[in-house]
Each structure stands twice: as structure tokens, then as C-alpha cells.
């Protein structure tokens, strides 16, 4: 079944455009990156609220179902990204990332696996942009 859309640009293409604005801002200082990030956060909030209403609100335990669903969606890429960053850090810097920032290793490991407290980890972090997950 093909879903009809009245949008001039697909949501995926629009998000790609916003992401490219951020990339150009980082490389060329075009000063559009911050606006693109804010637009993306607003759209993400809308899509999550819509997904909540359509998928999770009617379940027996909506919040738990939502949180488990998000965890299963985000955790695999976080684990793969963390493993790759760990390998690069050890291979290039020849240091243990668990002692690199002076944070308790248990805090680092749990933060990288479950996203809890990740934003509070001091830099350098293995995956600095992961705070947004």
C-alpha cells in the first residue's frame, strides 16, 4: 500500500536538508546550523508526540512500552558506535577511554549502554553527540 502525502518535500528529505545545514555550518560557518537544530528538535517532538498517540497511548503500560521501544531502537547503534570509537581511541591515542576523562568506569559504561547520565560525562567522551539521544 502506497501512502499518499500532500507535503511538497518528504520528511526524510527535509531532515536531510536540516542535517546538511548543520554540516555546512560546521565547515563554513554559514550560521544556519543552530536554527536547523532547533527546527529538528521541534519536528522530533511533534513526531514523537504523534507516535505516542498512534502507537503507545492505547497499550496497557504506555510509558514502559514506549521506553523499551526507544531503548531497542537506539541501543544497537549506540553500542556499535561506542565499540568503534573505543577501538579508534585505543588504536590512535593508545589510552584506555575508561580512564581518559577521570570518571568512574561504571558511570561511563552504564552511560554508554543506557544513555543515562551521558550528558554529564566530562569531555572527552567517546561519542560526544550521543547526549542528544
N, C-alpha and C. Protein backbone atom coordinates (compact mmCIF):
# COMPACT_ATOMS: atom_id res chain seq x y z
N UNK A 1 0.84 -1.18 0.00
CA UNK A 1 0.00 0.00 0.00
C UNK A 1 0.89 1.24 0.00
N UNK A 2 0.66 2.12 -0.92
CA UNK A 2 1.42 3.36 -1.04
C UNK A 2 0.71 4.44 -0.24
N UNK A 3 1.44 5.12 0.60
CA UNK A 3 0.84 6.17 1.42
C UNK A 3 0.94 7.50 0.67
N UNK A 4 -0.19 8.13 0.50
CA UNK A 4 -0.23 9.42 -0.17
C UNK A 4 0.25 10.51 0.77
N UNK A 5 0.97 11.46 0.25
CA UNK A 5 1.44 12.57 1.06
C UNK A 5 1.19 13.87 0.32
N UNK A 6 0.70 14.86 1.08
CA UNK A 6 0.45 16.15 0.46
C UNK A 6 1.63 17.10 0.65
N UNK A 7 2.66 16.64 1.33
CA UNK A 7 3.82 17.50 1.58
C UNK A 7 4.62 17.69 0.30
N UNK A 8 5.15 18.90 0.14
CA UNK A 8 5.97 19.19 -1.04
C UNK A 8 7.31 18.47 -0.96
N UNK A 9 7.80 18.30 0.26
CA UNK A 9 9.08 17.62 0.49
C UNK A 9 8.83 16.53 1.53
N UNK A 10 9.38 15.36 1.30
CA UNK A 10 9.18 14.28 2.26
C UNK A 10 9.88 14.62 3.58
N UNK A 11 9.39 14.10 4.70
CA UNK A 11 10.03 14.37 5.98
C UNK A 11 11.51 13.96 6.01
N UNK A 12 11.82 12.83 5.36
CA UNK A 12 13.21 12.39 5.32
C UNK A 12 14.10 13.37 4.57
N UNK A 13 13.61 13.87 3.45
CA UNK A 13 14.39 14.84 2.67
C UNK A 13 14.56 16.15 3.43
N UNK A 14 13.50 16.55 4.14
CA UNK A 14 13.58 17.78 4.93
C UNK A 14 14.61 17.63 6.05
N UNK A 15 14.59 16.49 6.74
CA UNK A 15 15.57 16.23 7.81
C UNK A 15 16.98 16.17 7.24
N UNK A 16 17.14 15.58 6.06
CA UNK A 16 18.46 15.56 5.43
C UNK A 16 18.93 16.99 5.13
N UNK A 17 18.03 17.82 4.65
CA UNK A 17 18.37 19.22 4.39
C UNK A 17 18.81 19.94 5.66
N UNK A 18 18.10 19.69 6.77
CA UNK A 18 18.49 20.30 8.05
C UNK A 18 19.87 19.80 8.49
N UNK A 19 20.10 18.51 8.34
CA UNK A 19 21.40 17.94 8.73
C UNK A 19 22.52 18.54 7.88
N UNK A 20 22.28 18.72 6.59
CA UNK A 20 23.29 19.32 5.72
C UNK A 20 23.57 20.78 6.11
N UNK A 21 22.52 21.48 6.57
CA UNK A 21 22.74 22.85 7.04
C UNK A 21 23.68 22.86 8.24
N UNK A 22 23.53 21.89 9.13
CA UNK A 22 24.41 21.80 10.30
C UNK A 22 25.84 21.49 9.85
N UNK A 23 25.98 20.58 8.90
CA UNK A 23 27.31 20.23 8.39
C UNK A 23 27.97 21.45 7.76
N UNK A 24 27.24 22.16 6.90
CA UNK A 24 27.80 23.36 6.28
C UNK A 24 28.18 24.41 7.32
N UNK A 25 27.37 24.52 8.37
CA UNK A 25 27.67 25.46 9.44
C UNK A 25 28.99 25.09 10.12
N UNK A 26 29.19 23.79 10.35
CA UNK A 26 30.44 23.35 10.99
C UNK A 26 31.66 23.62 10.11
N UNK A 27 31.50 23.40 8.81
CA UNK A 27 32.65 23.56 7.90
C UNK A 27 32.86 24.99 7.42
N UNK A 28 31.77 25.71 7.17
CA UNK A 28 31.90 27.01 6.52
C UNK A 28 31.39 28.17 7.36
N UNK A 29 30.83 27.91 8.53
CA UNK A 29 30.35 28.98 9.39
C UNK A 29 29.23 29.79 8.79
N UNK A 30 28.26 29.13 8.15
CA UNK A 30 27.17 29.84 7.48
C UNK A 30 26.10 30.33 8.46
N UNK A 31 26.23 29.99 9.72
CA UNK A 31 25.35 30.46 10.79
C UNK A 31 23.90 30.02 10.64
N UNK A 32 23.68 28.87 10.04
CA UNK A 32 22.34 28.32 9.93
C UNK A 32 22.19 27.04 10.75
N UNK A 33 23.28 26.53 11.25
CA UNK A 33 23.26 25.25 11.97
C UNK A 33 22.40 25.28 13.21
N UNK A 34 22.49 26.33 14.00
CA UNK A 34 21.71 26.41 15.24
C UNK A 34 20.21 26.41 14.94
N UNK A 35 19.81 27.17 13.95
CA UNK A 35 18.39 27.20 13.56
C UNK A 35 17.93 25.83 13.08
N UNK A 36 18.75 25.16 12.31
CA UNK A 36 18.41 23.83 11.81
C UNK A 36 18.24 22.85 12.97
N UNK A 37 19.10 22.93 13.97
CA UNK A 37 19.00 22.05 15.14
C UNK A 37 17.69 22.32 15.88
N UNK A 38 17.35 23.59 16.08
CA UNK A 38 16.10 23.92 16.77
C UNK A 38 14.88 23.41 15.99
N UNK A 39 14.90 23.57 14.69
CA UNK A 39 13.79 23.08 13.86
C UNK A 39 13.70 21.56 13.97
N UNK A 40 14.84 20.91 13.95
CA UNK A 40 14.86 19.45 14.05
C UNK A 40 14.30 19.01 15.40
N UNK A 41 14.66 19.69 16.49
CA UNK A 41 14.13 19.33 17.81
C UNK A 41 12.62 19.52 17.86
N UNK A 42 12.10 20.59 17.28
CA UNK A 42 10.66 20.82 17.26
C UNK A 42 9.96 19.72 16.46
N UNK A 43 10.50 19.40 15.29
CA UNK A 43 9.91 18.34 14.48
C UNK A 43 9.99 16.99 15.18
N UNK A 44 11.10 16.72 15.83
CA UNK A 44 11.24 15.46 16.56
C UNK A 44 10.21 15.36 17.66
N UNK A 45 9.98 16.44 18.37
CA UNK A 45 8.96 16.46 19.41
C UNK A 45 7.58 16.17 18.84
N UNK A 46 7.28 16.78 17.69
CA UNK A 46 6.00 16.54 17.03
C UNK A 46 5.85 15.07 16.64
N UNK A 47 6.91 14.51 16.02
CA UNK A 47 6.83 13.13 15.56
C UNK A 47 6.73 12.15 16.73
N UNK A 48 7.42 12.44 17.81
CA UNK A 48 7.34 11.56 18.98
C UNK A 48 5.95 11.65 19.61
N UNK A 49 5.39 12.86 19.70
CA UNK A 49 4.03 13.01 20.24
C UNK A 49 3.02 12.29 19.36
N UNK A 50 3.19 12.39 18.07
CA UNK A 50 2.28 11.71 17.14
C UNK A 50 2.42 10.19 17.27
N UNK A 51 3.66 9.71 17.36
CA UNK A 51 3.91 8.28 17.52
C UNK A 51 3.31 7.79 18.84
N UNK A 52 3.43 8.58 19.91
CA UNK A 52 2.86 8.22 21.20
C UNK A 52 1.34 8.04 21.07
N UNK A 53 0.70 8.99 20.43
CA UNK A 53 -0.76 8.93 20.30
C UNK A 53 -1.20 7.76 19.43
N UNK A 54 -0.47 7.47 18.36
CA UNK A 54 -0.87 6.42 17.43
C UNK A 54 -0.49 5.02 17.89
N UNK A 55 0.64 4.87 18.59
CA UNK A 55 1.15 3.53 18.92
C UNK A 55 1.08 3.15 20.38
N UNK A 56 1.42 4.07 21.25
CA UNK A 56 1.68 3.70 22.64
C UNK A 56 0.57 4.06 23.61
N UNK A 57 -0.18 5.10 23.38
CA UNK A 57 -1.18 5.57 24.34
C UNK A 57 -2.23 4.52 24.66
N UNK A 58 -2.55 3.66 23.74
CA UNK A 58 -3.60 2.66 23.94
C UNK A 58 -3.08 1.35 24.53
N UNK A 59 -1.78 1.22 24.76
CA UNK A 59 -1.25 -0.02 25.33
C UNK A 59 -1.53 -0.08 26.82
N UNK A 60 -1.35 -1.26 27.41
CA UNK A 60 -1.62 -1.46 28.84
C UNK A 60 -0.70 -0.62 29.71
N UNK A 61 0.57 -0.53 29.33
CA UNK A 61 1.55 0.29 30.06
C UNK A 61 2.27 1.17 29.04
N UNK A 62 1.67 2.28 28.67
CA UNK A 62 2.20 3.08 27.56
C UNK A 62 3.62 3.60 27.78
N UNK A 63 3.92 4.11 28.96
CA UNK A 63 5.25 4.69 29.18
C UNK A 63 6.32 3.61 29.13
N UNK A 64 6.10 2.49 29.79
CA UNK A 64 7.07 1.40 29.78
C UNK A 64 7.26 0.86 28.37
N UNK A 65 6.17 0.68 27.64
CA UNK A 65 6.25 0.19 26.26
C UNK A 65 7.04 1.17 25.40
N UNK A 66 6.79 2.46 25.57
CA UNK A 66 7.49 3.49 24.81
C UNK A 66 8.99 3.46 25.13
N UNK A 67 9.34 3.40 26.41
CA UNK A 67 10.75 3.43 26.80
C UNK A 67 11.49 2.18 26.30
N UNK A 68 10.88 1.03 26.39
CA UNK A 68 11.52 -0.19 25.88
C UNK A 68 11.69 -0.11 24.37
N UNK A 69 10.68 0.40 23.68
CA UNK A 69 10.77 0.56 22.23
C UNK A 69 11.91 1.49 21.85
N UNK A 70 12.05 2.63 22.54
CA UNK A 70 13.13 3.57 22.25
C UNK A 70 14.49 2.94 22.54
N UNK A 71 14.57 2.22 23.65
CA UNK A 71 15.83 1.58 24.01
C UNK A 71 16.26 0.58 22.93
N UNK A 72 15.31 -0.24 22.47
CA UNK A 72 15.64 -1.22 21.44
C UNK A 72 15.97 -0.56 20.10
N UNK A 73 15.45 0.63 19.88
CA UNK A 73 15.75 1.32 18.63
C UNK A 73 17.13 1.99 18.68
N UNK A 74 17.47 2.58 19.82
CA UNK A 74 18.70 3.36 19.92
C UNK A 74 19.91 2.55 20.39
N UNK A 75 19.69 1.57 21.25
CA UNK A 75 20.81 0.87 21.86
C UNK A 75 21.74 0.19 20.85
N UNK A 76 21.23 -0.51 19.84
CA UNK A 76 22.17 -1.17 18.92
C UNK A 76 23.16 -0.21 18.26
N UNK A 77 22.69 0.93 17.78
CA UNK A 77 23.61 1.86 17.12
C UNK A 77 24.54 2.50 18.13
N UNK A 78 24.06 2.73 19.34
CA UNK A 78 24.92 3.29 20.38
C UNK A 78 26.04 2.31 20.73
N UNK A 79 25.71 1.03 20.84
CA UNK A 79 26.72 0.03 21.17
C UNK A 79 27.74 -0.09 20.03
N UNK A 80 27.26 -0.11 18.79
CA UNK A 80 28.18 -0.21 17.64
C UNK A 80 29.06 1.04 17.57
N UNK A 81 28.45 2.22 17.70
CA UNK A 81 29.23 3.46 17.66
C UNK A 81 30.24 3.54 18.78
N UNK A 82 29.84 3.13 19.97
CA UNK A 82 30.76 3.14 21.12
C UNK A 82 31.91 2.17 20.89
N UNK A 83 31.60 0.98 20.38
CA UNK A 83 32.66 0.00 20.12
C UNK A 83 33.65 0.52 19.08
N UNK A 84 33.15 1.16 18.03
CA UNK A 84 34.05 1.72 17.01
C UNK A 84 34.90 2.84 17.60
N UNK A 85 34.28 3.72 18.38
CA UNK A 85 35.03 4.82 19.00
C UNK A 85 36.05 4.29 19.99
N UNK A 86 35.70 3.24 20.69
CA UNK A 86 36.63 2.62 21.64
C UNK A 86 37.84 2.06 20.91
N UNK A 87 37.61 1.37 19.81
CA UNK A 87 38.72 0.81 19.03
C UNK A 87 39.63 1.91 18.48
N UNK A 88 39.04 2.96 17.96
CA UNK A 88 39.84 4.06 17.41
C UNK A 88 40.62 4.76 18.52
N UNK A 89 39.97 4.99 19.66
CA UNK A 89 40.65 5.66 20.77
C UNK A 89 41.85 4.86 21.25
N UNK A 90 41.67 3.57 21.39
CA UNK A 90 42.77 2.73 21.86
C UNK A 90 43.86 2.64 20.79
N UNK A 91 43.46 2.48 19.52
CA UNK A 91 44.44 2.32 18.44
C UNK A 91 45.20 3.60 18.15
N UNK A 92 44.52 4.77 18.20
CA UNK A 92 45.17 6.03 17.84
C UNK A 92 45.83 6.70 19.03
N UNK A 93 45.09 6.79 20.14
CA UNK A 93 45.62 7.50 21.31
C UNK A 93 46.41 6.61 22.25
N UNK A 94 46.25 5.32 22.10
CA UNK A 94 46.94 4.35 22.96
C UNK A 94 46.64 4.58 24.43
N UNK A 95 45.40 4.92 24.75
CA UNK A 95 44.97 5.10 26.13
C UNK A 95 43.65 4.37 26.35
N UNK A 96 43.38 4.07 27.59
CA UNK A 96 42.10 3.46 27.94
C UNK A 96 41.07 4.55 28.08
N UNK A 97 40.00 4.53 27.28
CA UNK A 97 39.00 5.58 27.36
C UNK A 97 38.28 5.61 28.71
N UNK A 98 38.30 4.50 29.42
CA UNK A 98 37.64 4.48 30.73
C UNK A 98 38.38 5.33 31.75
N UNK A 99 39.65 5.60 31.52
CA UNK A 99 40.40 6.45 32.44
C UNK A 99 40.74 7.80 31.81
N UNK A 100 40.38 7.97 30.56
CA UNK A 100 40.73 9.18 29.82
C UNK A 100 40.15 10.44 30.46
N UNK A 101 38.88 10.38 30.87
CA UNK A 101 38.24 11.58 31.41
C UNK A 101 38.25 11.63 32.93
N UNK A 102 38.78 10.61 33.59
CA UNK A 102 38.84 10.62 35.04
C UNK A 102 37.51 10.33 35.71
N UNK A 103 36.56 9.76 34.97
CA UNK A 103 35.24 9.44 35.52
C UNK A 103 35.23 7.97 35.92
N UNK A 104 34.42 7.67 36.92
CA UNK A 104 34.24 6.30 37.35
C UNK A 104 33.91 5.42 36.14
N UNK A 105 34.65 4.33 35.93
CA UNK A 105 34.38 3.47 34.77
C UNK A 105 32.95 2.92 34.74
N UNK A 106 32.37 2.63 35.88
CA UNK A 106 30.99 2.13 35.91
C UNK A 106 30.03 3.19 35.35
N UNK A 107 30.26 4.47 35.69
CA UNK A 107 29.42 5.56 35.17
C UNK A 107 29.55 5.63 33.65
N UNK A 108 30.77 5.52 33.16
CA UNK A 108 30.96 5.58 31.71
C UNK A 108 30.27 4.41 31.00
N UNK A 109 30.46 3.21 31.52
CA UNK A 109 29.90 2.03 30.87
C UNK A 109 28.37 2.09 30.87
N UNK A 110 27.77 2.40 32.03
CA UNK A 110 26.31 2.47 32.10
C UNK A 110 25.76 3.60 31.25
N UNK A 111 26.46 4.73 31.22
CA UNK A 111 26.01 5.86 30.40
C UNK A 111 26.05 5.52 28.92
N UNK A 112 27.07 4.79 28.49
CA UNK A 112 27.18 4.43 27.09
C UNK A 112 26.16 3.36 26.70
N UNK A 113 25.78 2.51 27.63
CA UNK A 113 24.81 1.46 27.30
C UNK A 113 23.36 1.93 27.40
N UNK A 114 23.06 2.74 28.40
CA UNK A 114 21.66 3.08 28.66
C UNK A 114 21.35 4.57 28.52
N UNK A 115 22.29 5.38 28.07
CA UNK A 115 22.10 6.82 27.82
C UNK A 115 21.82 7.63 29.08
N UNK A 116 21.92 7.03 30.24
CA UNK A 116 21.61 7.74 31.49
C UNK A 116 22.87 8.43 32.00
N UNK A 117 22.80 9.72 32.18
CA UNK A 117 23.94 10.48 32.68
C UNK A 117 25.01 10.75 31.65
N UNK A 118 24.73 10.49 30.37
CA UNK A 118 25.75 10.67 29.34
C UNK A 118 26.15 12.14 29.19
N UNK A 119 25.17 13.02 29.24
CA UNK A 119 25.45 14.44 29.06
C UNK A 119 26.31 14.99 30.19
N UNK A 120 26.27 14.35 31.35
CA UNK A 120 27.06 14.82 32.49
C UNK A 120 28.50 14.30 32.47
N UNK A 121 28.81 13.37 31.56
CA UNK A 121 30.19 12.89 31.47
C UNK A 121 31.08 14.03 30.99
N UNK A 122 32.23 14.22 31.63
CA UNK A 122 33.13 15.28 31.15
C UNK A 122 33.77 14.89 29.82
N UNK A 123 34.20 15.87 29.10
CA UNK A 123 34.90 15.59 27.85
C UNK A 123 36.34 15.22 28.18
N UNK A 124 36.97 14.41 27.40
CA UNK A 124 36.49 13.83 26.14
C UNK A 124 35.57 12.64 26.38
N UNK A 125 34.52 12.58 25.58
CA UNK A 125 33.60 11.44 25.59
C UNK A 125 33.84 10.64 24.33
N UNK A 126 33.53 9.37 24.39
CA UNK A 126 33.74 8.54 23.20
C UNK A 126 32.86 9.01 22.05
N UNK A 127 31.61 9.27 22.32
CA UNK A 127 30.66 9.72 21.30
C UNK A 127 30.04 11.03 21.76
N UNK A 128 30.70 12.12 21.52
CA UNK A 128 30.25 13.39 22.07
C UNK A 128 28.81 13.75 21.70
N UNK A 129 28.36 13.56 20.46
CA UNK A 129 26.97 13.94 20.15
C UNK A 129 25.92 13.00 20.70
N UNK A 130 26.30 11.93 21.36
CA UNK A 130 25.31 10.97 21.86
C UNK A 130 24.44 11.54 22.96
N UNK A 131 24.79 12.69 23.54
CA UNK A 131 23.96 13.30 24.57
C UNK A 131 22.56 13.57 24.06
N UNK A 132 22.43 13.77 22.74
CA UNK A 132 21.12 14.11 22.18
C UNK A 132 20.19 12.92 22.05
N UNK A 133 20.70 11.73 22.24
CA UNK A 133 19.83 10.55 22.14
C UNK A 133 18.92 10.48 23.34
